[in-house]
Protein backbone atom coordinates (compact mmCIF):
# COMPACT_ATOMS: atom_id res chain seq x y z
CA MET A 1 52.72 126.50 96.49
CA SER A 2 50.73 127.94 93.54
CA ASP A 3 48.50 130.85 94.13
CA ALA A 4 45.38 128.86 93.08
CA LEU A 5 46.27 126.04 95.47
CA GLN A 6 46.84 128.51 98.31
CA ALA A 7 43.53 130.24 97.59
CA LEU A 8 41.73 126.88 97.32
CA LYS A 9 43.06 125.67 100.60
CA ALA A 10 41.83 128.84 102.37
CA ARG A 11 38.39 128.39 100.84
CA LEU A 12 38.22 124.76 101.82
CA ALA A 13 39.38 125.50 105.30
CA ASP A 14 36.38 127.90 105.57
CA VAL A 15 34.03 125.08 104.42
CA HIS A 16 35.65 122.71 106.97
CA HIS A 17 35.26 125.11 109.85
CA LEU A 18 31.50 125.61 108.94
CA SER A 19 30.99 121.84 108.97
CA MET A 20 32.77 121.57 112.35
CA ALA A 21 30.58 124.35 113.75
CA GLY A 22 27.55 122.37 112.64
CA ALA A 23 29.07 119.35 114.43
CA VAL A 24 29.33 121.25 117.65
CA LEU A 25 25.58 122.21 117.38
CA ASP A 26 24.69 118.59 116.63
CA TRP A 27 26.66 117.27 119.61
CA ASP A 28 25.01 119.75 121.92
CA GLN A 29 21.63 118.74 120.69
CA GLN A 30 22.20 115.10 121.45
CA THR A 31 23.74 115.70 124.90
CA TYR A 32 22.85 118.91 126.74
CA MET A 33 20.38 121.00 124.72
CA PRO A 34 16.91 121.46 126.32
CA ALA A 35 14.06 120.01 124.29
CA GLY A 36 12.53 123.39 123.67
CA GLY A 37 15.60 124.36 121.64
CA VAL A 38 14.91 122.10 118.73
CA SER A 39 13.22 124.60 116.41
CA ALA A 40 15.91 127.17 116.74
CA ARG A 41 18.58 124.62 116.42
CA ALA A 42 17.08 123.22 113.25
CA ASP A 43 17.29 126.75 111.68
CA GLN A 44 20.84 127.24 112.95
CA LYS A 45 22.12 123.97 111.45
CA ALA A 46 20.16 124.53 108.25
CA THR A 47 21.85 127.92 107.87
CA LEU A 48 25.32 126.49 108.38
CA SER A 49 24.72 123.58 105.94
CA LYS A 50 23.47 126.15 103.36
CA LEU A 51 26.48 128.42 103.84
CA SER A 52 28.89 125.49 103.70
CA HIS A 53 27.26 124.11 100.56
CA GLN A 54 27.15 127.64 98.77
CA LEU A 55 30.78 128.21 99.55
CA PHE A 56 32.00 124.78 98.42
CA THR A 57 29.88 124.63 95.15
CA ASP A 58 30.48 128.17 94.14
CA ASP A 59 31.95 128.56 90.65
CA LYS A 60 35.03 130.19 92.28
CA THR A 61 35.79 126.95 93.98
CA GLY A 62 35.56 125.08 90.73
CA THR A 63 37.79 127.58 89.00
CA LEU A 64 40.47 127.43 91.70
CA LEU A 65 40.31 123.63 91.72
CA ALA A 66 40.87 123.43 87.99
CA GLN A 67 43.80 125.91 88.19
CA ALA A 68 45.42 124.04 91.00
CA GLU A 69 45.02 120.70 89.16
CA ALA A 70 46.84 122.26 86.21
CA ASP A 71 49.53 123.78 88.31
CA LEU A 72 50.28 120.59 90.22
CA LYS A 73 50.03 118.13 87.36
CA GLY A 74 52.56 115.32 87.83
CA LEU A 75 52.87 115.64 91.53
CA PRO A 76 53.47 112.30 93.20
CA GLU A 77 50.27 110.50 94.08
CA ASP A 78 51.03 110.17 97.81
CA HIS A 79 51.87 113.91 98.15
CA ASN A 80 49.45 115.54 100.47
CA ASP A 81 48.56 118.25 97.96
CA ALA A 82 47.90 115.68 95.20
CA ALA A 83 45.60 113.79 97.60
CA LEU A 84 43.80 117.00 98.66
CA LEU A 85 43.08 117.80 94.99
CA ARG A 86 41.83 114.24 94.25
CA MET A 87 39.37 114.29 97.05
CA ALA A 88 38.39 117.92 96.53
CA ARG A 89 37.60 117.08 92.97
CA ARG A 90 35.57 113.99 94.00
CA ASP A 91 33.68 115.98 96.65
CA TYR A 92 33.11 118.97 94.44
CA ASP A 93 31.70 117.04 91.51
CA LYS A 94 29.29 115.31 93.84
CA ALA A 95 28.26 118.42 95.87
CA THR A 96 27.59 120.55 92.77
CA ARG A 97 24.89 117.93 91.75
CA LEU A 98 22.97 118.64 95.01
CA PRO A 99 20.60 121.64 94.87
CA GLU A 100 21.23 124.09 97.67
CA ALA A 101 17.51 124.05 98.60
CA LEU A 102 17.75 120.21 99.06
CA VAL A 103 20.77 120.52 101.27
CA GLU A 104 19.10 123.08 103.54
CA GLU A 105 15.86 121.08 103.60
CA ILE A 106 17.66 117.90 104.64
CA SER A 107 19.36 119.70 107.57
CA ARG A 108 16.12 121.34 108.87
CA VAL A 109 14.00 118.14 108.42
CA THR A 110 16.53 115.85 110.14
CA SER A 111 17.02 118.21 113.07
CA HIS A 112 13.27 118.01 113.88
CA ALA A 113 13.11 114.36 113.01
CA GLN A 114 15.89 113.45 115.41
CA GLU A 115 13.94 114.95 118.24
CA GLU A 116 10.67 113.33 117.13
CA TRP A 117 12.38 109.94 116.90
CA ALA A 118 13.68 110.22 120.53
CA LYS A 119 10.14 111.11 121.73
CA ALA A 120 8.53 108.36 119.59
CA ARG A 121 11.08 105.74 120.76
CA ALA A 122 10.48 106.64 124.48
CA ALA A 123 6.71 106.50 124.01
CA ASN A 124 6.80 103.41 121.71
CA ASP A 125 4.74 105.47 119.13
CA TYR A 126 5.87 104.69 115.60
CA GLY A 127 2.90 106.62 114.27
CA ALA A 128 4.36 109.76 115.60
CA PHE A 129 7.59 109.22 113.70
CA ALA A 130 6.20 107.78 110.55
CA PRO A 131 5.48 111.18 108.78
CA TRP A 132 9.09 112.15 109.46
CA LEU A 133 10.38 108.95 108.00
CA GLU A 134 8.16 109.47 104.88
CA ARG A 135 9.91 112.88 104.39
CA ILE A 136 13.39 111.39 104.89
CA VAL A 137 12.83 108.54 102.47
CA ASP A 138 11.74 111.15 99.95
CA LEU A 139 14.71 113.30 100.63
CA GLU A 140 17.04 110.30 100.31
CA ARG A 141 15.51 109.41 96.89
CA ARG A 142 16.02 112.99 95.75
CA THR A 143 19.47 112.97 96.92
CA ALA A 144 20.27 109.74 95.08
CA GLU A 145 18.75 110.94 91.87
CA ALA A 146 20.73 114.15 92.16
CA LEU A 147 24.01 112.40 92.76
CA GLY A 148 23.36 109.83 90.07
CA TYR A 149 24.00 106.12 89.90
CA GLU A 150 24.54 103.37 87.47
CA GLU A 151 22.42 100.44 88.80
CA ARG A 152 20.54 101.15 91.99
CA LEU A 153 19.43 104.17 94.01
CA TYR A 154 21.29 102.69 96.95
CA ASP A 155 24.62 102.95 95.25
CA ALA A 156 24.44 106.79 95.27
CA LEU A 157 23.80 106.87 98.96
CA LEU A 158 26.36 104.15 99.92
CA ASP A 159 29.09 105.97 98.01
CA GLN A 160 28.74 108.90 100.36
CA TYR A 161 29.96 106.74 103.31
CA GLU A 162 32.00 104.03 101.65
CA PRO A 163 33.48 105.45 98.44
CA GLY A 164 33.72 102.94 95.68
CA MET A 165 31.49 100.38 97.18
CA THR A 166 28.33 99.20 95.36
CA SER A 167 25.30 97.20 96.30
CA ARG A 168 26.37 94.46 93.80
CA ARG A 169 29.57 94.04 95.84
CA LEU A 170 27.73 94.22 99.14
CA ASP A 171 25.35 91.47 97.97
CA GLU A 172 28.39 89.29 97.45
CA ILE A 173 29.93 90.13 100.78
CA PHE A 174 26.64 89.66 102.64
CA GLY A 175 25.95 86.43 100.81
CA GLU A 176 29.39 85.12 101.87
CA LEU A 177 28.72 86.29 105.47
CA LYS A 178 25.46 84.38 105.51
CA ARG A 179 27.05 81.26 104.06
CA GLN A 180 29.92 81.26 106.61
CA THR A 181 28.02 82.45 109.79
CA VAL A 182 24.53 80.95 109.74
CA PRO A 183 25.77 77.42 110.32
CA LEU A 184 27.81 78.78 113.28
CA VAL A 185 24.73 80.51 114.68
CA GLN A 186 22.76 77.28 114.44
CA ALA A 187 25.56 75.25 116.04
CA ILE A 188 25.70 77.75 118.90
CA ALA A 189 21.91 77.61 119.40
CA GLU A 190 22.21 73.79 119.86
CA ASN A 191 24.47 74.42 122.88
CA ALA A 192 23.17 77.77 124.17
CA ASP A 193 23.44 76.77 127.82
CA ALA A 194 27.21 76.49 127.62
CA VAL A 195 27.61 80.16 128.53
CA ASP A 196 25.84 81.75 131.46
CA ALA A 197 25.70 85.61 131.12
CA SER A 198 23.59 86.39 134.18
CA VAL A 199 26.58 88.06 136.00
CA LEU A 200 26.29 90.95 133.56
CA GLN A 201 22.74 91.72 134.90
CA ARG A 202 23.69 92.19 138.47
CA ASP A 203 23.59 95.70 140.15
CA TYR A 204 26.49 97.76 138.93
CA ASP A 205 26.72 101.34 140.20
CA GLU A 206 26.71 103.72 137.28
CA GLU A 207 29.31 106.02 138.56
CA LYS A 208 31.65 103.16 139.08
CA GLN A 209 31.03 101.97 135.62
CA ARG A 210 31.97 105.38 134.29
CA HIS A 211 35.24 105.47 136.27
CA PHE A 212 36.20 102.00 135.28
CA ALA A 213 35.42 102.49 131.62
CA GLU A 214 37.32 105.87 131.45
CA SER A 215 40.37 104.25 133.19
CA VAL A 216 40.45 101.60 130.43
CA LEU A 217 40.16 104.29 127.74
CA ARG A 218 43.14 106.11 129.12
CA ASP A 219 45.12 102.83 129.24
CA CYS A 220 44.24 102.18 125.52
CA GLY A 221 45.57 105.67 124.53
CA PHE A 222 42.56 107.93 124.33
CA ASP A 223 43.86 111.42 125.25
CA PHE A 224 41.39 113.09 127.54
CA SER A 225 43.18 116.39 127.36
CA ARG A 226 41.97 116.36 123.71
CA GLY A 227 38.68 114.63 124.23
CA ARG A 228 35.82 113.86 126.60
CA GLN A 229 32.97 111.37 127.14
CA ASP A 230 29.33 112.29 127.97
CA ARG A 231 25.96 110.61 128.11
CA SER A 232 23.49 110.42 125.22
CA VAL A 233 20.46 108.42 124.07
CA HIS A 234 22.52 106.70 121.45
CA PRO A 235 26.30 106.33 121.75
CA PHE A 236 28.31 108.19 119.17
CA CYS A 237 31.69 109.88 118.51
CA THR A 238 32.21 113.22 116.82
CA HIS A 239 35.16 115.69 116.52
CA PHE A 240 35.55 119.31 115.94
CA SER A 241 39.40 119.02 115.50
CA GLN A 242 41.98 116.44 116.19
CA ASN A 243 42.29 118.14 119.62
CA ASP A 244 38.55 118.08 120.48
CA VAL A 245 37.12 114.58 120.06
CA ARG A 246 33.81 113.80 121.80
CA LEU A 247 32.58 110.40 122.81
CA THR A 248 29.22 109.48 124.33
CA THR A 249 27.83 106.41 125.85
CA ARG A 250 24.74 105.24 127.88
CA TYR A 251 24.38 103.37 131.09
CA ASP A 252 22.24 100.58 132.56
CA ARG A 253 22.70 99.75 136.15
CA ASN A 254 21.61 96.23 135.53
CA PHE A 255 23.48 95.54 132.30
CA VAL A 256 27.17 96.39 132.70
CA SER A 257 28.20 95.52 129.07
CA MET A 258 26.24 98.51 127.68
CA ALA A 259 28.45 101.34 128.91
CA LEU A 260 31.75 99.42 128.96
CA PHE A 261 31.74 98.17 125.41
CA GLY A 262 29.93 101.24 124.16
CA SER A 263 32.75 103.35 125.51
CA LEU A 264 35.38 101.04 123.99
CA HIS A 265 33.62 101.13 120.67
CA GLU A 266 33.34 104.87 120.50
CA MET A 267 36.96 105.12 121.74
CA GLY A 268 38.04 103.24 118.61
CA HIS A 269 36.52 106.07 116.51
CA GLY A 270 38.02 108.63 118.82
CA LEU A 271 41.54 107.19 118.53
CA TYR A 272 41.25 107.35 114.77
CA GLU A 273 40.39 111.05 114.86
CA GLN A 274 43.09 111.92 117.38
CA GLY A 275 45.64 109.90 115.33
CA VAL A 276 45.38 111.62 111.87
CA SER A 277 48.51 113.36 110.82
CA PRO A 278 48.68 116.95 112.17
CA GLU A 279 49.59 118.08 108.62
CA LEU A 280 46.02 117.24 107.57
CA GLU A 281 44.34 119.16 110.45
CA GLY A 282 41.67 121.60 109.18
CA THR A 283 41.52 120.16 105.65
CA LEU A 284 39.02 117.81 103.96
CA LEU A 285 41.68 115.02 104.45
CA SER A 286 41.40 115.19 108.14
CA ASN A 287 38.53 112.73 108.54
CA GLY A 288 38.72 108.90 108.30
CA ALA A 289 38.95 107.23 104.85
CA SER A 290 35.44 105.90 105.13
CA LEU A 291 32.78 104.72 107.52
CA ALA A 292 33.94 101.04 107.21
CA LEU A 293 37.51 101.98 107.98
CA HIS A 294 36.21 104.09 111.01
CA GLU A 295 34.05 101.12 112.14
CA SER A 296 36.93 98.68 111.85
CA GLN A 297 38.73 100.70 114.50
CA SER A 298 35.80 100.65 116.87
CA ARG A 299 35.02 97.00 116.44
CA LEU A 300 38.76 96.19 116.77
CA TRP A 301 39.03 97.75 120.14
CA GLU A 302 35.59 96.63 121.26
CA ASN A 303 35.77 92.97 120.25
CA LEU A 304 39.30 91.78 119.42
CA VAL A 305 40.82 93.69 122.35
CA GLY A 306 37.98 94.36 124.85
CA ARG A 307 36.25 90.98 124.57
CA SER A 308 39.48 88.96 124.45
CA ARG A 309 40.52 86.56 127.17
CA ARG A 310 43.91 88.23 127.37
CA PHE A 311 42.31 91.59 128.07
CA TRP A 312 40.21 90.22 130.99
CA ASN A 313 43.18 88.29 132.45
CA HIS A 314 44.63 91.75 133.07
CA TYR A 315 41.59 93.84 133.87
CA TYR A 316 39.31 91.48 135.85
CA PRO A 317 41.15 92.02 139.20
CA ARG A 318 40.57 95.76 138.71
CA PHE A 319 36.99 95.12 137.81
CA GLN A 320 36.44 93.04 140.87
CA GLU A 321 38.13 95.61 142.99
CA THR A 322 35.79 98.26 141.56
CA PHE A 323 32.48 96.38 142.04
CA GLY A 324 33.40 94.39 145.12
CA ALA A 325 30.77 91.74 146.24
CA THR A 326 28.92 92.15 142.93
CA VAL A 327 31.39 89.93 141.22
CA SER A 328 33.61 88.46 143.99
CA ASP A 329 32.05 85.06 143.42
CA VAL A 330 32.75 84.92 139.70
CA PRO A 331 36.06 83.65 138.31
CA VAL A 332 37.66 85.41 135.31
CA GLU A 333 36.98 82.60 132.87
CA ALA A 334 33.26 82.66 133.67
CA PHE A 335 33.20 86.48 133.27
CA TYR A 336 35.09 86.24 129.98
CA ARG A 337 32.62 83.70 128.73
CA ALA A 338 29.65 85.88 129.86
CA MET A 339 31.09 88.87 127.97
CA ASN A 340 31.01 86.69 124.80
CA LYS A 341 27.70 84.94 125.09
CA SER A 342 26.10 84.50 121.63
CA GLY A 343 22.55 84.22 120.68
CA PRO A 344 19.84 86.08 118.82
CA SER A 345 18.88 89.37 120.34
CA LEU A 346 16.47 92.24 119.52
CA ILE A 347 18.86 95.30 119.79
CA ARG A 348 21.64 95.79 117.25
CA VAL A 349 23.95 97.59 119.59
CA GLU A 350 23.77 94.87 122.02
CA ALA A 351 24.20 92.00 119.55
CA ASP A 352 27.13 89.59 119.89
CA GLU A 353 29.81 89.29 117.26
CA VAL A 354 28.26 86.23 115.49
CA THR A 355 24.70 87.63 115.05
CA TYR A 356 25.54 91.28 114.69
CA ASN A 357 25.77 91.21 110.85
CA LEU A 358 22.26 89.72 110.54
CA HIS A 359 21.00 92.98 112.12
CA ILE A 360 22.85 94.96 109.34
CA ILE A 361 21.60 92.78 106.56
CA LEU A 362 18.01 93.37 107.71
CA ARG A 363 18.49 97.21 107.63
CA TYR A 364 20.22 96.98 104.19
CA GLU A 365 17.31 95.02 102.78
CA MET A 366 14.76 97.37 104.25
CA GLU A 367 16.50 100.54 103.07
CA ASN A 368 16.59 99.15 99.57
CA GLU A 369 12.91 98.29 99.69
CA LEU A 370 11.84 101.69 101.05
CA LEU A 371 13.99 103.66 98.56
CA GLU A 372 12.69 101.66 95.62
CA GLY A 373 9.03 101.86 96.77
CA ARG A 374 8.65 98.12 97.34
CA LEU A 375 7.88 98.82 100.97
CA SER A 376 5.73 101.66 102.38
CA VAL A 377 6.59 103.52 105.55
CA ALA A 378 3.29 102.44 106.96
CA ASP A 379 4.08 98.78 106.43
CA ALA A 380 7.70 99.08 107.59
CA PRO A 381 7.16 97.97 111.28
CA ASP A 382 5.58 94.61 110.13
CA ALA A 383 8.26 94.18 107.59
CA TRP A 384 10.91 94.76 110.19
CA ASN A 385 9.34 92.08 112.48
CA ALA A 386 9.05 89.56 109.76
CA LYS A 387 12.72 90.01 108.80
CA MET A 388 13.70 89.70 112.46
CA GLN A 389 11.86 86.42 112.67
CA GLU A 390 13.33 85.20 109.35
CA LEU A 391 16.99 86.14 110.16
CA LEU A 392 17.06 85.79 114.00
CA GLY A 393 14.10 83.78 114.93
CA LEU A 394 12.72 86.70 117.20
CA THR A 395 9.73 88.97 116.88
CA PRO A 396 10.14 92.36 118.80
CA PRO A 397 7.33 92.86 121.46
CA ASP A 398 7.00 96.50 120.35
CA ASN A 399 8.38 99.12 118.00
CA ARG A 400 10.67 100.57 120.60
CA GLU A 401 12.74 97.42 120.45
CA GLY A 402 11.97 97.07 116.74
CA ILE A 403 12.08 99.56 114.03
CA LEU A 404 12.49 102.64 116.44
CA GLN A 405 15.73 101.39 117.96
CA ASP A 406 18.17 103.16 115.76
CA VAL A 407 18.75 106.92 115.40
CA HIS A 408 20.24 106.72 111.92
CA TRP A 409 17.10 107.19 109.71
CA SER A 410 16.02 110.17 111.81
CA ILE A 411 19.28 111.92 110.97
CA GLY A 412 18.97 111.18 107.35
CA ILE A 413 21.56 108.64 106.74
CA MET A 414 20.56 105.81 104.47
CA GLY A 415 23.31 103.74 102.92
CA TYR A 416 25.24 103.95 106.22
CA PHE A 417 24.35 100.66 107.91
CA PRO A 418 26.42 98.30 105.64
CA THR A 419 29.59 100.03 106.80
CA TYR A 420 29.16 98.42 110.21
CA SER A 421 29.44 94.93 108.79
CA LEU A 422 32.25 95.98 106.41
CA GLY A 423 34.06 97.37 109.54
CA ASN A 424 33.61 94.01 111.32
CA VAL A 425 35.11 92.19 108.48
CA LEU A 426 37.95 94.66 108.16
CA SER A 427 38.69 94.74 111.84
CA VAL A 428 40.05 91.14 111.83
CA GLN A 429 42.08 91.72 108.67
CA LEU A 430 43.72 94.75 110.18
CA PHE A 431 44.33 93.11 113.54
CA ASN A 432 45.77 90.01 112.02
CA LYS A 433 48.20 92.06 109.94
CA ALA A 434 49.22 94.07 113.07
CA VAL A 435 49.97 90.93 115.01
CA GLU A 436 51.88 89.47 112.03
CA ASP A 437 54.05 92.61 111.88
CA VAL A 438 54.43 92.99 115.75
CA PRO A 439 53.81 89.58 117.43
CA SER A 440 54.31 91.05 120.94
CA ILE A 441 50.92 92.73 120.61
CA LEU A 442 49.10 89.75 122.02
CA GLU A 443 51.40 89.47 125.10
CA GLU A 444 51.14 93.25 125.68
CA ILE A 445 47.28 93.15 125.69
CA GLU A 446 47.53 90.66 128.67
CA GLN A 447 49.75 93.17 130.35
CA GLY A 448 47.37 96.07 129.84
CA GLN A 449 49.80 97.64 127.35
CA PHE A 450 48.38 98.81 124.01
CA SER A 451 51.08 101.20 122.67
CA SER A 452 52.42 98.81 119.96
CA LEU A 453 48.89 98.03 118.63
CA LEU A 454 48.02 101.82 118.55
CA HIS A 455 51.33 102.67 117.02
CA TRP A 456 50.76 100.17 114.19
CA LEU A 457 47.21 101.46 113.61
CA ARG A 458 48.40 105.09 113.57
CA ALA A 459 51.19 104.28 111.14
CA ASN A 460 49.15 102.27 108.75
CA VAL A 461 45.68 103.74 109.04
CA HIS A 462 44.99 106.80 111.25
CA ARG A 463 47.72 109.16 110.08
CA HIS A 464 46.54 108.90 106.33
CA GLY A 465 43.11 110.43 107.04
CA ARG A 466 41.28 110.67 103.71
CA LYS A 467 44.43 110.61 101.60
CA TYR A 468 43.45 107.41 99.88
CA LEU A 469 40.12 105.72 98.85
CA PRO A 470 39.26 102.83 101.11
CA GLU A 471 40.29 100.09 98.73
CA GLU A 472 43.81 101.67 98.38
CA LEU A 473 44.23 102.23 102.12
CA ILE A 474 43.26 98.70 102.87
CA ARG A 475 45.69 97.30 100.40
CA ARG A 476 48.48 99.53 101.76
CA ALA A 477 47.77 98.43 105.35
CA THR A 478 47.22 94.71 104.75
CA GLY A 479 48.56 93.80 101.46
CA SER A 480 45.29 92.57 100.10
CA PRO A 481 41.80 93.83 99.28
CA LEU A 482 38.90 93.49 101.83
CA THR A 483 38.13 89.83 102.36
CA VAL A 484 35.53 87.96 104.51
CA GLN A 485 37.64 84.83 105.26
CA PRO A 486 39.82 86.10 108.13
CA TYR A 487 36.69 87.47 109.93
CA ALA A 488 34.82 84.05 109.40
CA ASP A 489 37.84 82.14 110.55
CA TYR A 490 38.04 84.33 113.71
CA LEU A 491 34.36 83.74 114.58
CA ARG A 492 34.64 80.02 114.01
CA SER A 493 37.73 79.71 116.17
CA LYS A 494 36.63 81.90 119.03
CA PHE A 495 32.97 80.73 119.32
CA GLY A 496 33.64 77.21 118.33
CA GLU A 497 35.91 76.98 121.44
CA LEU A 498 33.33 78.75 123.66
CA TYR A 499 30.37 76.57 122.62
CA GLY A 500 32.04 73.37 121.43
CA ALA A 501 30.52 74.16 117.97
């Protein structure tokens, strides 16, 4: 190893550790921190962000990076060190465009905004959050201008979460999703009574929900000796190392789907983090390749596994044993159909597979309009409601179930939402390839066995971390670029059978 590379790795490790320390503070803020701690926490996180940015963007980092690139010129592309230098160069060139003061301001503002959003949502008081959203939109515009873009402000922000993706390409993907799924949504609406989901709204003890969900997570392969699950306002997954992965979920005694599928969803993220090659631990390659790749894992486990008939053929007897008389009168087929009821809904995280992407398209359109100044923060709630009516035929009764429902804007991440839909699309593409390579996966799911599926995902996706850009990793795993058609075929097959559509 060259001296420059060794020194660069040590420097990047320090940057990584500062980032992970910030993640610990953020996890604590969203789970156990008392409300009175927000001001001090904002300063703490801002300091860590500033120190990390200073260290990474320092001229010394650039010098070491250039020297290491020269020393290792000609190294095979798939070598870990070659990948490290590629990603370090990409990240460094972007980070050096961001002023240190802007990075610190973003951290401080979003720490406060996150708390103000939680209070505003609980009180259904958009006016209390609006000034914070004004500041965040301004910060996002300044970030986009600093990073630079060719066509639209949005492209600069999107590239932070989905490297290589552009709004022009998103417009094509979302246009195809609309074309393929809107007729299915309409056909389902014509036969909406074919599925009864009332069983999901019976009385389910929260502690029993927790025990059942965590037992399923263990079966799927989540290692609780290297992870844990807690409660939060908005479910999420974070990690501080491959051996410390944190999941959160939320519970509703009268809606059993929330915690169960929230847990499976976040578990998908957690399995990805636990499955990255140990050789990449502590480096900037130790995260997932992109937010869409990450989301593909959560949606795969939540929907293609957790909402499948095969899955419930195995787990429903255990579910009935856990909840006793609550579901003793409901056969497994009726429960499976209830878990897959489709229809327009107000809340994104509770949306079914068919309508989910319409929630994402709404947010994508609004983010563009806010960033480009075609929509004011003051007018945003009315615009939200109008788009909900246009896309889903529903108008939220209040802002709590409308524009205040998501945490994302309060923590300063615009350009993020599209990765949810990209993850949906990619989940089917990856699952189909896994089953093509290992046909026994389907039978194993019905037996409550998931090792073959998890092994395939770890071999083809997880272990690589950030070694490759998303497009390259998708091609390596599936043999083709991201494509909408497998996902559209899956929806049409599954929900056509459920609804006779």
